[in-house]
Amino acid sequence: MALSPPPDAVEAIAAQARRTAAYMVKCRARDYARRPIRLETLYPGLAAAKPEALIAIAEHLLEIERQNPRRWFGFGGEVKALNAKAALLLGRAMRRRNKGRN
């Protein structure tokens, strides 16, 4: 007879996983903001791209990851998706900042 964890524990772990992923994306986006040259590892020319182009390319990269899911069980397969989400977050923040200047 297999024992299953209580539903509260499963929900708590899922909630913590979402918070951790959000934290990782925000940290990576801040790193890209401090060192835009690191965006070049995602796509050539991205470091000098305007926010609209950055958003479009990040959405494209995320779509590629969704169409070709890979499961590496914590050994780095999720990094491309996190990087794309961070670039998307940075692009949206840059666009919002630029709208405030107009």
C-alpha atoms as a PDB file:
ATOM      1  CA  MET A   1       0.000   0.000   0.000  1.00  0.00           C
ATOM      2  CA  ALA A   2       1.542   3.280  -1.129  1.00  0.00           C
ATOM      3  CA  LEU A   3       1.202   6.282   1.100  1.00  0.00           C
ATOM      4  CA  SER A   4       0.386   9.621  -0.463  1.00  0.00           C
ATOM      5  CA  PRO A   5       1.215  12.978   1.100  1.00  0.00           C
ATOM      6  CA  PRO A   6      -1.637  14.977   2.565  1.00  0.00           C
ATOM      7  CA  PRO A   7      -3.219  17.449   0.112  1.00  0.00           C
ATOM      8  CA  ASP A   8      -2.120  20.412   2.222  1.00  0.00           C
ATOM      9  CA  ALA A   9       1.518  19.384   1.862  1.00  0.00           C
ATOM     10  CA  VAL A  10       1.209  19.045  -1.909  1.00  0.00           C
ATOM     11  CA  GLU A  11      -0.396  22.486  -2.168  1.00  0.00           C
ATOM     12  CA  ALA A  12       2.275  24.004   0.067  1.00  0.00           C
ATOM     13  CA  ILE A  13       5.078  22.519  -2.047  1.00  0.00           C
ATOM     14  CA  ALA A  14       3.423  23.712  -5.289  1.00  0.00           C
ATOM     15  CA  ALA A  15       3.000  27.220  -3.872  1.00  0.00           C
ATOM     16  CA  GLN A  16       6.635  27.320  -2.754  1.00  0.00           C
ATOM     17  CA  ALA A  17       7.745  26.118  -6.198  1.00  0.00           C
ATOM     18  CA  ARG A  18       5.824  28.984  -7.848  1.00  0.00           C
ATOM     19  CA  ARG A  19       7.364  31.530  -5.462  1.00  0.00           C
ATOM     20  CA  THR A  20      10.852  30.156  -6.086  1.00  0.00           C
ATOM     21  CA  ALA A  21      10.410  30.249  -9.865  1.00  0.00           C
ATOM     22  CA  ALA A  22       9.129  33.844  -9.712  1.00  0.00           C
ATOM     23  CA  TYR A  23      12.087  34.830  -7.544  1.00  0.00           C
ATOM     24  CA  MET A  24      14.534  33.213  -9.975  1.00  0.00           C
ATOM     25  CA  VAL A  25      12.964  35.010 -12.960  1.00  0.00           C
ATOM     26  CA  LYS A  26      13.080  38.378 -11.168  1.00  0.00           C
ATOM     27  CA  CYS A  27      16.709  37.897 -10.153  1.00  0.00           C
ATOM     28  CA  ARG A  28      17.683  36.960 -13.707  1.00  0.00           C
ATOM     29  CA  ALA A  29      15.781  39.958 -15.134  1.00  0.00           C
ATOM     30  CA  ARG A  30      17.621  42.278 -12.726  1.00  0.00           C
ATOM     31  CA  ASP A  31      20.906  40.704 -13.786  1.00  0.00           C
ATOM     32  CA  TYR A  32      20.043  41.297 -17.453  1.00  0.00           C
ATOM     33  CA  ALA A  33      19.191  44.924 -16.603  1.00  0.00           C
ATOM     34  CA  ARG A  34      22.587  45.388 -14.913  1.00  0.00           C
ATOM     35  CA  ARG A  35      24.528  43.544 -17.633  1.00  0.00           C
ATOM     36  CA  PRO A  36      22.571  43.672 -20.903  1.00  0.00           C
ATOM     37  CA  ILE A  37      25.391  41.949 -22.792  1.00  0.00           C
ATOM     38  CA  ARG A  38      24.263  38.697 -21.141  1.00  0.00           C
ATOM     39  CA  LEU A  39      21.115  38.842 -23.267  1.00  0.00           C
ATOM     40  CA  GLU A  40      23.347  37.960 -26.220  1.00  0.00           C
ATOM     41  CA  THR A  41      23.440  34.367 -24.983  1.00  0.00           C
ATOM     42  CA  LEU A  42      19.693  34.120 -25.621  1.00  0.00           C
ATOM     43  CA  TYR A  43      19.647  35.664 -29.089  1.00  0.00           C
ATOM     44  CA  PRO A  44      22.235  37.666 -31.057  1.00  0.00           C
ATOM     45  CA  GLY A  45      21.632  41.418 -30.965  1.00  0.00           C
ATOM     46  CA  LEU A  46      19.256  41.280 -28.020  1.00  0.00           C
ATOM     47  CA  ALA A  47      21.445  43.433 -25.778  1.00  0.00           C
ATOM     48  CA  ALA A  48      20.829  46.510 -27.963  1.00  0.00           C
ATOM     49  CA  ALA A  49      17.208  45.713 -28.848  1.00  0.00           C
ATOM     50  CA  LYS A  50      14.313  48.045 -28.103  1.00  0.00           C
ATOM     51  CA  PRO A  51      11.764  46.821 -25.535  1.00  0.00           C
ATOM     52  CA  GLU A  52       9.250  45.814 -28.217  1.00  0.00           C
ATOM     53  CA  ALA A  53      11.837  43.639 -29.992  1.00  0.00           C
ATOM     54  CA  LEU A  54      13.004  42.172 -26.689  1.00  0.00           C
ATOM     55  CA  ILE A  55       9.430  41.219 -25.800  1.00  0.00           C
ATOM     56  CA  ALA A  56       8.748  39.716 -29.228  1.00  0.00           C
ATOM     57  CA  ILE A  57      11.905  37.609 -29.206  1.00  0.00           C
ATOM     58  CA  ALA A  58      11.355  36.466 -25.609  1.00  0.00           C
ATOM     59  CA  GLU A  59       7.782  35.424 -26.474  1.00  0.00           C
ATOM     60  CA  HIS A  60       9.115  33.539 -29.494  1.00  0.00           C
ATOM     61  CA  LEU A  61      11.716  31.755 -27.355  1.00  0.00           C
ATOM     62  CA  LEU A  62       9.034  30.810 -24.820  1.00  0.00           C
ATOM     63  CA  GLU A  63       6.817  29.462 -27.588  1.00  0.00           C
ATOM     64  CA  ILE A  64       9.688  27.290 -28.831  1.00  0.00           C
ATOM     65  CA  GLU A  65      10.140  25.922 -25.306  1.00  0.00           C
ATOM     66  CA  ARG A  66       6.408  25.200 -25.012  1.00  0.00           C
ATOM     67  CA  GLN A  67       6.302  23.395 -28.352  1.00  0.00           C
ATOM     68  CA  ASN A  68       9.363  21.287 -27.540  1.00  0.00           C
ATOM     69  CA  PRO A  69       9.107  20.472 -23.839  1.00  0.00           C
ATOM     70  CA  ARG A  70      12.082  18.743 -22.299  1.00  0.00           C
ATOM     71  CA  ARG A  71      12.250  17.202 -18.892  1.00  0.00           C
ATOM     72  CA  TRP A  72      15.706  17.056 -17.398  1.00  0.00           C
ATOM     73  CA  PHE A  73      14.564  16.590 -13.793  1.00  0.00           C
ATOM     74  CA  GLY A  74      16.403  19.567 -12.380  1.00  0.00           C
ATOM     75  CA  PHE A  75      19.601  19.216 -14.370  1.00  0.00           C
ATOM     76  CA  GLY A  76      19.318  22.427 -16.387  1.00  0.00           C
ATOM     77  CA  GLY A  77      16.483  21.806 -18.839  1.00  0.00           C
ATOM     78  CA  GLU A  78      14.398  24.575 -17.297  1.00  0.00           C
ATOM     79  CA  VAL A  79      17.074  27.265 -17.711  1.00  0.00           C
ATOM     80  CA  LYS A  80      16.081  28.325 -21.251  1.00  0.00           C
ATOM     81  CA  ALA A  81      12.491  28.931 -20.192  1.00  0.00           C
ATOM     82  CA  LEU A  82      13.571  30.894 -17.102  1.00  0.00           C
ATOM     83  CA  ASN A  83      15.939  33.024 -19.197  1.00  0.00           C
ATOM     84  CA  ALA A  84      13.203  33.735 -21.748  1.00  0.00           C
ATOM     85  CA  LYS A  85      10.735  34.663 -19.002  1.00  0.00           C
ATOM     86  CA  ALA A  86      13.344  36.970 -17.451  1.00  0.00           C
ATOM     87  CA  ALA A  87      13.960  38.664 -20.815  1.00  0.00           C
ATOM     88  CA  LEU A  88      10.205  39.069 -21.232  1.00  0.00           C
ATOM     89  CA  LEU A  89       9.902  40.610 -17.760  1.00  0.00           C
ATOM     90  CA  LEU A  90      12.791  42.984 -18.487  1.00  0.00           C
ATOM     91  CA  GLY A  91      11.295  44.002 -21.838  1.00  0.00           C
ATOM     92  CA  ARG A  92       7.940  44.757 -20.241  1.00  0.00           C
ATOM     93  CA  ALA A  93       9.601  46.782 -17.466  1.00  0.00           C
ATOM     94  CA  MET A  94      11.626  48.752 -20.031  1.00  0.00           C
ATOM     95  CA  ARG A  95       8.503  49.422 -22.108  1.00  0.00           C
ATOM     96  CA  ARG A  96       6.631  50.625 -19.011  1.00  0.00           C
ATOM     97  CA  ARG A  97       9.540  52.895 -18.067  1.00  0.00           C
ATOM     98  CA  ASN A  98       9.704  54.350 -21.573  1.00  0.00           C
ATOM     99  CA  LYS A  99       5.946  55.055 -21.612  1.00  0.00           C
ATOM    100  CA  GLY A 100       6.353  57.115 -18.453  1.00  0.00           C
ATOM    101  CA  ARG A 101       8.943  59.328 -20.147  1.00  0.00           C
ATOM    102  CA  ASN A 102       6.636  60.321 -23.034  1.00  0.00           C
END
